[in-house]
Amino acid sequence: MFFTTRHYEKQTAYAGTTFPTPNKDVLALTKGEIKQSLMLEFVSNEVALDPKGQGKVTILGRIQGMTSAEGS
């Protein structure tokens, strides 16, 4: 079977400090200005094997990549 999942990660800087500058790959996907926080979205594609519906599932492969980022 094939399936997809979405993962979100929020990074927040402590009040009164500056947010560390992300690498150029993250900046290329970032919307908005990063002031206090950065929300990252990842999509993961997986393939699994469930032989004859026995309930013993084996994950055969997983690929994950960042699809967007938004600063606030």
PDB file of N, CA and C in Angstrom:
ATOM      1  N   MET A   1       0.828  -1.157   0.000  1.00  0.00           N
ATOM      2  CA  MET A   1       0.000   0.000   0.000  1.00  0.00           C
ATOM      3  C   MET A   1       0.883   1.234   0.000  1.00  0.00           C
ATOM      4  N   PHE A   2       0.356   2.316  -0.557  1.00  0.00           N
ATOM      5  CA  PHE A   2       1.051   3.600  -0.600  1.00  0.00           C
ATOM      6  C   PHE A   2       0.255   4.588   0.246  1.00  0.00           C
ATOM      7  N   PHE A   3       0.935   5.438   0.992  1.00  0.00           N
ATOM      8  CA  PHE A   3       0.227   6.468   1.739  1.00  0.00           C
ATOM      9  C   PHE A   3       1.129   7.672   1.962  1.00  0.00           C
ATOM     10  N   THR A   4       0.488   8.790   2.280  1.00  0.00           N
ATOM     11  CA  THR A   4       1.178  10.059   2.469  1.00  0.00           C
ATOM     12  C   THR A   4       0.785  10.653   3.812  1.00  0.00           C
ATOM     13  N   THR A   5       1.741  11.261   4.489  1.00  0.00           N
ATOM     14  CA  THR A   5       1.455  11.957   5.738  1.00  0.00           C
ATOM     15  C   THR A   5       2.067  13.357   5.689  1.00  0.00           C
ATOM     16  N   ARG A   6       1.473  14.255   6.440  1.00  0.00           N
ATOM     17  CA  ARG A   6       1.994  15.623   6.565  1.00  0.00           C
ATOM     18  C   ARG A   6       2.455  15.832   7.998  1.00  0.00           C
ATOM     19  N   HIS A   7       3.571  16.512   8.136  1.00  0.00           N
ATOM     20  CA  HIS A   7       4.145  16.792   9.449  1.00  0.00           C
ATOM     21  C   HIS A   7       4.398  18.295   9.528  1.00  0.00           C
ATOM     22  N   TYR A   8       4.099  18.877  10.669  1.00  0.00           N
ATOM     23  CA  TYR A   8       4.338  20.297  10.888  1.00  0.00           C
ATOM     24  C   TYR A   8       5.284  20.463  12.064  1.00  0.00           C
ATOM     25  N   GLU A   9       6.196  21.421  11.925  1.00  0.00           N
ATOM     26  CA  GLU A   9       7.153  21.718  12.989  1.00  0.00           C
ATOM     27  C   GLU A   9       7.185  23.226  13.172  1.00  0.00           C
ATOM     28  N   LYS A  10       6.938  23.680  14.401  1.00  0.00           N
ATOM     29  CA  LYS A  10       6.995  25.113  14.677  1.00  0.00           C
ATOM     30  C   LYS A  10       8.203  25.400  15.549  1.00  0.00           C
ATOM     31  N   GLN A  11       9.015  26.339  15.089  1.00  0.00           N
ATOM     32  CA  GLN A  11      10.194  26.775  15.833  1.00  0.00           C
ATOM     33  C   GLN A  11       9.926  28.192  16.317  1.00  0.00           C
ATOM     34  N   THR A  12      10.093  28.430  17.606  1.00  0.00           N
ATOM     35  CA  THR A  12       9.794  29.731  18.195  1.00  0.00           C
ATOM     36  C   THR A  12      10.995  30.223  18.987  1.00  0.00           C
ATOM     37  N   ALA A  13      11.330  31.506  18.797  1.00  0.00           N
ATOM     38  CA  ALA A  13      12.424  32.127  19.547  1.00  0.00           C
ATOM     39  C   ALA A  13      11.864  32.752  20.822  1.00  0.00           C
ATOM     40  N   TYR A  14      12.634  32.717  21.864  1.00  0.00           N
ATOM     41  CA  TYR A  14      12.255  33.321  23.134  1.00  0.00           C
ATOM     42  C   TYR A  14      12.072  34.826  22.947  1.00  0.00           C
ATOM     43  N   ALA A  15      11.084  35.401  23.625  1.00  0.00           N
ATOM     44  CA  ALA A  15      10.810  36.844  23.515  1.00  0.00           C
ATOM     45  C   ALA A  15      12.069  37.650  23.849  1.00  0.00           C
ATOM     46  N   GLY A  16      12.340  38.645  23.033  1.00  0.00           N
ATOM     47  CA  GLY A  16      13.498  39.511  23.247  1.00  0.00           C
ATOM     48  C   GLY A  16      14.768  39.031  22.573  1.00  0.00           C
ATOM     49  N   THR A  17      14.710  37.859  21.929  1.00  0.00           N
ATOM     50  CA  THR A  17      15.884  37.358  21.203  1.00  0.00           C
ATOM     51  C   THR A  17      15.588  37.374  19.708  1.00  0.00           C
ATOM     52  N   THR A  18      16.602  37.147  18.919  1.00  0.00           N
ATOM     53  CA  THR A  18      16.411  37.098  17.471  1.00  0.00           C
ATOM     54  C   THR A  18      16.337  35.647  17.004  1.00  0.00           C
ATOM     55  N   PHE A  19      15.594  35.435  15.955  1.00  0.00           N
ATOM     56  CA  PHE A  19      15.451  34.096  15.394  1.00  0.00           C
ATOM     57  C   PHE A  19      16.685  33.785  14.563  1.00  0.00           C
ATOM     58  N   PRO A  20      17.317  32.626  14.737  1.00  0.00           N
ATOM     59  CA  PRO A  20      18.493  32.294  13.932  1.00  0.00           C
ATOM     60  C   PRO A  20      18.133  32.177  12.450  1.00  0.00           C
ATOM     61  N   THR A  21      19.005  32.633  11.592  1.00  0.00           N
ATOM     62  CA  THR A  21      18.742  32.600  10.155  1.00  0.00           C
ATOM     63  C   THR A  21      18.804  31.164   9.640  1.00  0.00           C
ATOM     64  N   PRO A  22      17.699  30.693   9.023  1.00  0.00           N
ATOM     65  CA  PRO A  22      17.702  29.334   8.467  1.00  0.00           C
ATOM     66  C   PRO A  22      18.590  29.246   7.226  1.00  0.00           C
ATOM     67  N   ASN A  23      18.868  28.023   6.777  1.00  0.00           N
ATOM     68  CA  ASN A  23      19.716  27.866   5.596  1.00  0.00           C
ATOM     69  C   ASN A  23      18.967  28.312   4.335  1.00  0.00           C
ATOM     70  N   LYS A  24      19.662  28.425   3.229  1.00  0.00           N
ATOM     71  CA  LYS A  24      19.097  28.969   1.990  1.00  0.00           C
ATOM     72  C   LYS A  24      17.979  28.103   1.419  1.00  0.00           C
ATOM     73  N   ASP A  25      17.993  26.796   1.680  1.00  0.00           N
ATOM     74  CA  ASP A  25      16.927  25.921   1.192  1.00  0.00           C
ATOM     75  C   ASP A  25      15.602  26.249   1.880  1.00  0.00           C
ATOM     76  N   VAL A  26      15.645  26.516   3.173  1.00  0.00           N
ATOM     77  CA  VAL A  26      14.443  26.882   3.919  1.00  0.00           C
ATOM     78  C   VAL A  26      13.984  28.276   3.500  1.00  0.00           C
ATOM     79  N   LEU A  27      14.905  29.205   3.363  1.00  0.00           N
ATOM     80  CA  LEU A  27      14.547  30.570   2.966  1.00  0.00           C
ATOM     81  C   LEU A  27      13.873  30.610   1.600  1.00  0.00           C
ATOM     82  N   ALA A  28      14.265  29.732   0.695  1.00  0.00           N
ATOM     83  CA  ALA A  28      13.668  29.701  -0.642  1.00  0.00           C
ATOM     84  C   ALA A  28      12.188  29.335  -0.596  1.00  0.00           C
ATOM     85  N   LEU A  29      11.758  28.596   0.411  1.00  0.00           N
ATOM     86  CA  LEU A  29      10.362  28.178   0.532  1.00  0.00           C
ATOM     87  C   LEU A  29       9.566  29.014   1.534  1.00  0.00           C
ATOM     88  N   THR A  30      10.211  29.985   2.172  1.00  0.00           N
ATOM     89  CA  THR A  30       9.566  30.736   3.249  1.00  0.00           C
ATOM     90  C   THR A  30       8.723  31.892   2.713  1.00  0.00           C
ATOM     91  N   LYS A  31       7.485  31.944   3.237  1.00  0.00           N
ATOM     92  CA  LYS A  31       6.586  33.074   2.974  1.00  0.00           C
ATOM     93  C   LYS A  31       6.554  33.917   4.236  1.00  0.00           C
ATOM     94  N   GLY A  32       6.488  35.211   4.067  1.00  0.00           N
ATOM     95  CA  GLY A  32       6.439  36.102   5.216  1.00  0.00           C
ATOM     96  C   GLY A  32       7.814  36.342   5.804  1.00  0.00           C
ATOM     97  N   GLU A  33       7.833  37.218   6.806  1.00  0.00           N
ATOM     98  CA  GLU A  33       9.078  37.585   7.470  1.00  0.00           C
ATOM     99  C   GLU A  33       9.216  36.786   8.768  1.00  0.00           C
ATOM    100  N   ILE A  34      10.393  36.241   8.993  1.00  0.00           N
ATOM    101  CA  ILE A  34      10.639  35.466  10.203  1.00  0.00           C
ATOM    102  C   ILE A  34      11.031  36.434  11.317  1.00  0.00           C
ATOM    103  N   LYS A  35      10.104  36.675  12.237  1.00  0.00           N
ATOM    104  CA  LYS A  35      10.376  37.568  13.360  1.00  0.00           C
ATOM    105  C   LYS A  35      10.538  36.781  14.654  1.00  0.00           C
ATOM    106  N   GLN A  36       9.507  36.013  15.000  1.00  0.00           N
ATOM    107  CA  GLN A  36       9.497  35.298  16.274  1.00  0.00           C
ATOM    108  C   GLN A  36       9.385  33.794  16.092  1.00  0.00           C
ATOM    109  N   SER A  37       8.783  33.339  14.960  1.00  0.00           N
ATOM    110  CA  SER A  37       8.589  31.898  14.784  1.00  0.00           C
ATOM    111  C   SER A  37       8.632  31.505  13.310  1.00  0.00           C
ATOM    112  N   LEU A  38       8.814  30.214  13.095  1.00  0.00           N
ATOM    113  CA  LEU A  38       8.871  29.642  11.750  1.00  0.00           C
ATOM    114  C   LEU A  38       8.112  28.311  11.772  1.00  0.00           C
ATOM    115  N   MET A  39       7.117  28.191  10.883  1.00  0.00           N
ATOM    116  CA  MET A  39       6.334  26.962  10.768  1.00  0.00           C
ATOM    117  C   MET A  39       6.784  26.234   9.506  1.00  0.00           C
ATOM    118  N   LEU A  40       7.246  24.991   9.672  1.00  0.00           N
ATOM    119  CA  LEU A  40       7.720  24.178   8.553  1.00  0.00           C
ATOM    120  C   LEU A  40       6.702  23.078   8.270  1.00  0.00           C
ATOM    121  N   GLU A  41       6.469  22.811   6.985  1.00  0.00           N
ATOM    122  CA  GLU A  41       5.568  21.720   6.598  1.00  0.00           C
ATOM    123  C   GLU A  41       6.353  20.692   5.797  1.00  0.00           C
ATOM    124  N   PHE A  42       6.214  19.431   6.180  1.00  0.00           N
ATOM    125  CA  PHE A  42       6.881  18.326   5.507  1.00  0.00           C
ATOM    126  C   PHE A  42       5.832  17.350   4.989  1.00  0.00           C
ATOM    127  N   VAL A  43       6.088  16.771   3.830  1.00  0.00           N
ATOM    128  CA  VAL A  43       5.241  15.707   3.296  1.00  0.00           C
ATOM    129  C   VAL A  43       6.103  14.464   3.198  1.00  0.00           C
ATOM    130  N   SER A  44       5.547  13.351   3.646  1.00  0.00           N
ATOM    131  CA  SER A  44       6.259  12.086   3.645  1.00  0.00           C
ATOM    132  C   SER A  44       5.453  11.062   2.859  1.00  0.00           C
ATOM    133  N   ASN A  45       6.102  10.384   1.928  1.00  0.00           N
ATOM    134  CA  ASN A  45       5.480   9.319   1.149  1.00  0.00           C
ATOM    135  C   ASN A  45       6.058   7.988   1.607  1.00  0.00           C
ATOM    136  N   GLU A  46       5.159   7.047   1.920  1.00  0.00           N
ATOM    137  CA  GLU A  46       5.592   5.751   2.410  1.00  0.00           C
ATOM    138  C   GLU A  46       4.989   4.636   1.563  1.00  0.00           C
ATOM    139  N   VAL A  47       5.674   3.516   1.543  1.00  0.00           N
ATOM    140  CA  VAL A  47       5.146   2.303   0.926  1.00  0.00           C
ATOM    141  C   VAL A  47       5.321   1.175   1.948  1.00  0.00           C
ATOM    142  N   ALA A  48       4.238   0.392   2.117  1.00  0.00           N
ATOM    143  CA  ALA A  48       4.245  -0.685   3.111  1.00  0.00           C
ATOM    144  C   ALA A  48       3.680  -1.954   2.500  1.00  0.00           C
ATOM    145  N   LEU A  49       4.030  -3.076   3.112  1.00  0.00           N
ATOM    146  CA  LEU A  49       3.569  -4.384   2.661  1.00  0.00           C
ATOM    147  C   LEU A  49       2.796  -5.044   3.793  1.00  0.00           C
ATOM    148  N   ASP A  50       1.571  -5.482   3.475  1.00  0.00           N
ATOM    149  CA  ASP A  50       0.730  -6.214   4.417  1.00  0.00           C
ATOM    150  C   ASP A  50       0.388  -7.546   3.749  1.00  0.00           C
ATOM    151  N   PRO A  51       1.243  -8.561   3.926  1.00  0.00           N
ATOM    152  CA  PRO A  51       1.047  -9.813   3.206  1.00  0.00           C
ATOM    153  C   PRO A  51      -0.259 -10.520   3.590  1.00  0.00           C
ATOM    154  N   LYS A  52      -1.128 -10.651   2.627  1.00  0.00           N
ATOM    155  CA  LYS A  52      -2.392 -11.377   2.772  1.00  0.00           C
ATOM    156  C   LYS A  52      -3.234 -10.903   3.949  1.00  0.00           C
ATOM    157  N   GLY A  53      -3.127  -9.625   4.314  1.00  0.00           N
ATOM    158  CA  GLY A  53      -3.954  -9.068   5.370  1.00  0.00           C
ATOM    159  C   GLY A  53      -3.751  -9.689   6.735  1.00  0.00           C
ATOM    160  N   GLN A  54      -2.569 -10.179   7.027  1.00  0.00           N
ATOM    161  CA  GLN A  54      -2.296 -10.847   8.301  1.00  0.00           C
ATOM    162  C   GLN A  54      -2.052  -9.862   9.447  1.00  0.00           C
ATOM    163  N   GLY A  55      -1.970  -8.588   9.138  1.00  0.00           N
ATOM    164  CA  GLY A  55      -1.762  -7.591  10.181  1.00  0.00           C
ATOM    165  C   GLY A  55      -0.313  -7.305  10.504  1.00  0.00           C
ATOM    166  N   LYS A  56       0.621  -8.039   9.934  1.00  0.00           N
ATOM    167  CA  LYS A  56       2.046  -7.781  10.161  1.00  0.00           C
ATOM    168  C   LYS A  56       2.544  -6.897   9.023  1.00  0.00           C
ATOM    169  N   VAL A  57       2.532  -5.597   9.252  1.00  0.00           N
ATOM    170  CA  VAL A  57       2.884  -4.623   8.227  1.00  0.00           C
ATOM    171  C   VAL A  57       4.381  -4.355   8.261  1.00  0.00           C
ATOM    172  N   THR A  58       5.004  -4.309   7.089  1.00  0.00           N
ATOM    173  CA  THR A  58       6.417  -3.981   6.956  1.00  0.00           C
ATOM    174  C   THR A  58       6.543  -2.707   6.123  1.00  0.00           C
ATOM    175  N   ILE A  59       7.221  -1.695   6.665  1.00  0.00           N
ATOM    176  CA  ILE A  59       7.474  -0.461   5.920  1.00  0.00           C
ATOM    177  C   ILE A  59       8.653  -0.721   4.989  1.00  0.00           C
ATOM    178  N   LEU A  60       8.428  -0.565   3.683  1.00  0.00           N
ATOM    179  CA  LEU A  60       9.468  -0.838   2.689  1.00  0.00           C
ATOM    180  C   LEU A  60      10.290   0.396   2.335  1.00  0.00           C
ATOM    181  N   GLY A  61       9.668   1.564   2.412  1.00  0.00           N
ATOM    182  CA  GLY A  61      10.404   2.766   2.053  1.00  0.00           C
ATOM    183  C   GLY A  61       9.678   4.019   2.495  1.00  0.00           C
ATOM    184  N   ARG A  62      10.437   5.102   2.676  1.00  0.00           N
ATOM    185  CA  ARG A  62       9.882   6.382   3.104  1.00  0.00           C
ATOM    186  C   ARG A  62      10.739   7.498   2.526  1.00  0.00           C
ATOM    187  N   ILE A  63      10.076   8.481   1.940  1.00  0.00           N
ATOM    188  CA  ILE A  63      10.762   9.666   1.416  1.00  0.00           C
ATOM    189  C   ILE A  63      10.067  10.880   2.004  1.00  0.00           C
ATOM    190  N   GLN A  64      10.841  11.793   2.568  1.00  0.00           N
ATOM    191  CA  GLN A  64      10.269  12.990   3.187  1.00  0.00           C
ATOM    192  C   GLN A  64      10.949  14.232   2.632  1.00  0.00           C
ATOM    193  N   GLY A  65      10.168  15.288   2.465  1.00  0.00           N
ATOM    194  CA  GLY A  65      10.726  16.546   2.008  1.00  0.00           C
ATOM    195  C   GLY A  65       9.928  17.731   2.516  1.00  0.00           C
ATOM    196  N   MET A  66      10.577  18.860   2.694  1.00  0.00           N
ATOM    197  CA  MET A  66       9.896  20.078   3.138  1.00  0.00           C
ATOM    198  C   MET A  66       9.193  20.690   1.954  1.00  0.00           C
ATOM    199  N   THR A  67       7.927  21.081   2.138  1.00  0.00           N
ATOM    200  CA  THR A  67       7.142  21.639   1.045  1.00  0.00           C
ATOM    201  C   THR A  67       6.850  23.119   1.221  1.00  0.00           C
ATOM    202  N   SER A  68       6.879  23.618   2.459  1.00  0.00           N
ATOM    203  CA  SER A  68       6.634  25.048   2.662  1.00  0.00           C
ATOM    204  C   SER A  68       7.143  25.481   4.033  1.00  0.00           C
ATOM    205  N   ALA A  69       7.285  26.781   4.183  1.00  0.00           N
ATOM    206  CA  ALA A  69       7.679  27.377   5.451  1.00  0.00           C
ATOM    207  C   ALA A  69       7.028  28.760   5.536  1.00  0.00           C
ATOM    208  N   GLU A  70       6.629  29.134   6.742  1.00  0.00           N
ATOM    209  CA  GLU A  70       5.994  30.436   6.917  1.00  0.00           C
ATOM    210  C   GLU A  70       6.521  31.093   8.179  1.00  0.00           C
ATOM    211  N   GLY A  71       7.012  32.305   8.006  1.00  0.00           N
ATOM    212  CA  GLY A  71       7.529  33.063   9.148  1.00  0.00           C
ATOM    213  C   GLY A  71       6.468  33.963   9.728  1.00  0.00           C
ATOM    214  N   SER A  72       6.613  34.220  11.002  1.00  0.00           N
ATOM    215  CA  SER A  72       5.703  35.186  11.658  1.00  0.00           C
ATOM    216  C   SER A  72       6.424  35.818  12.821  1.00  0.00           C
TER     217      SER A  72
END
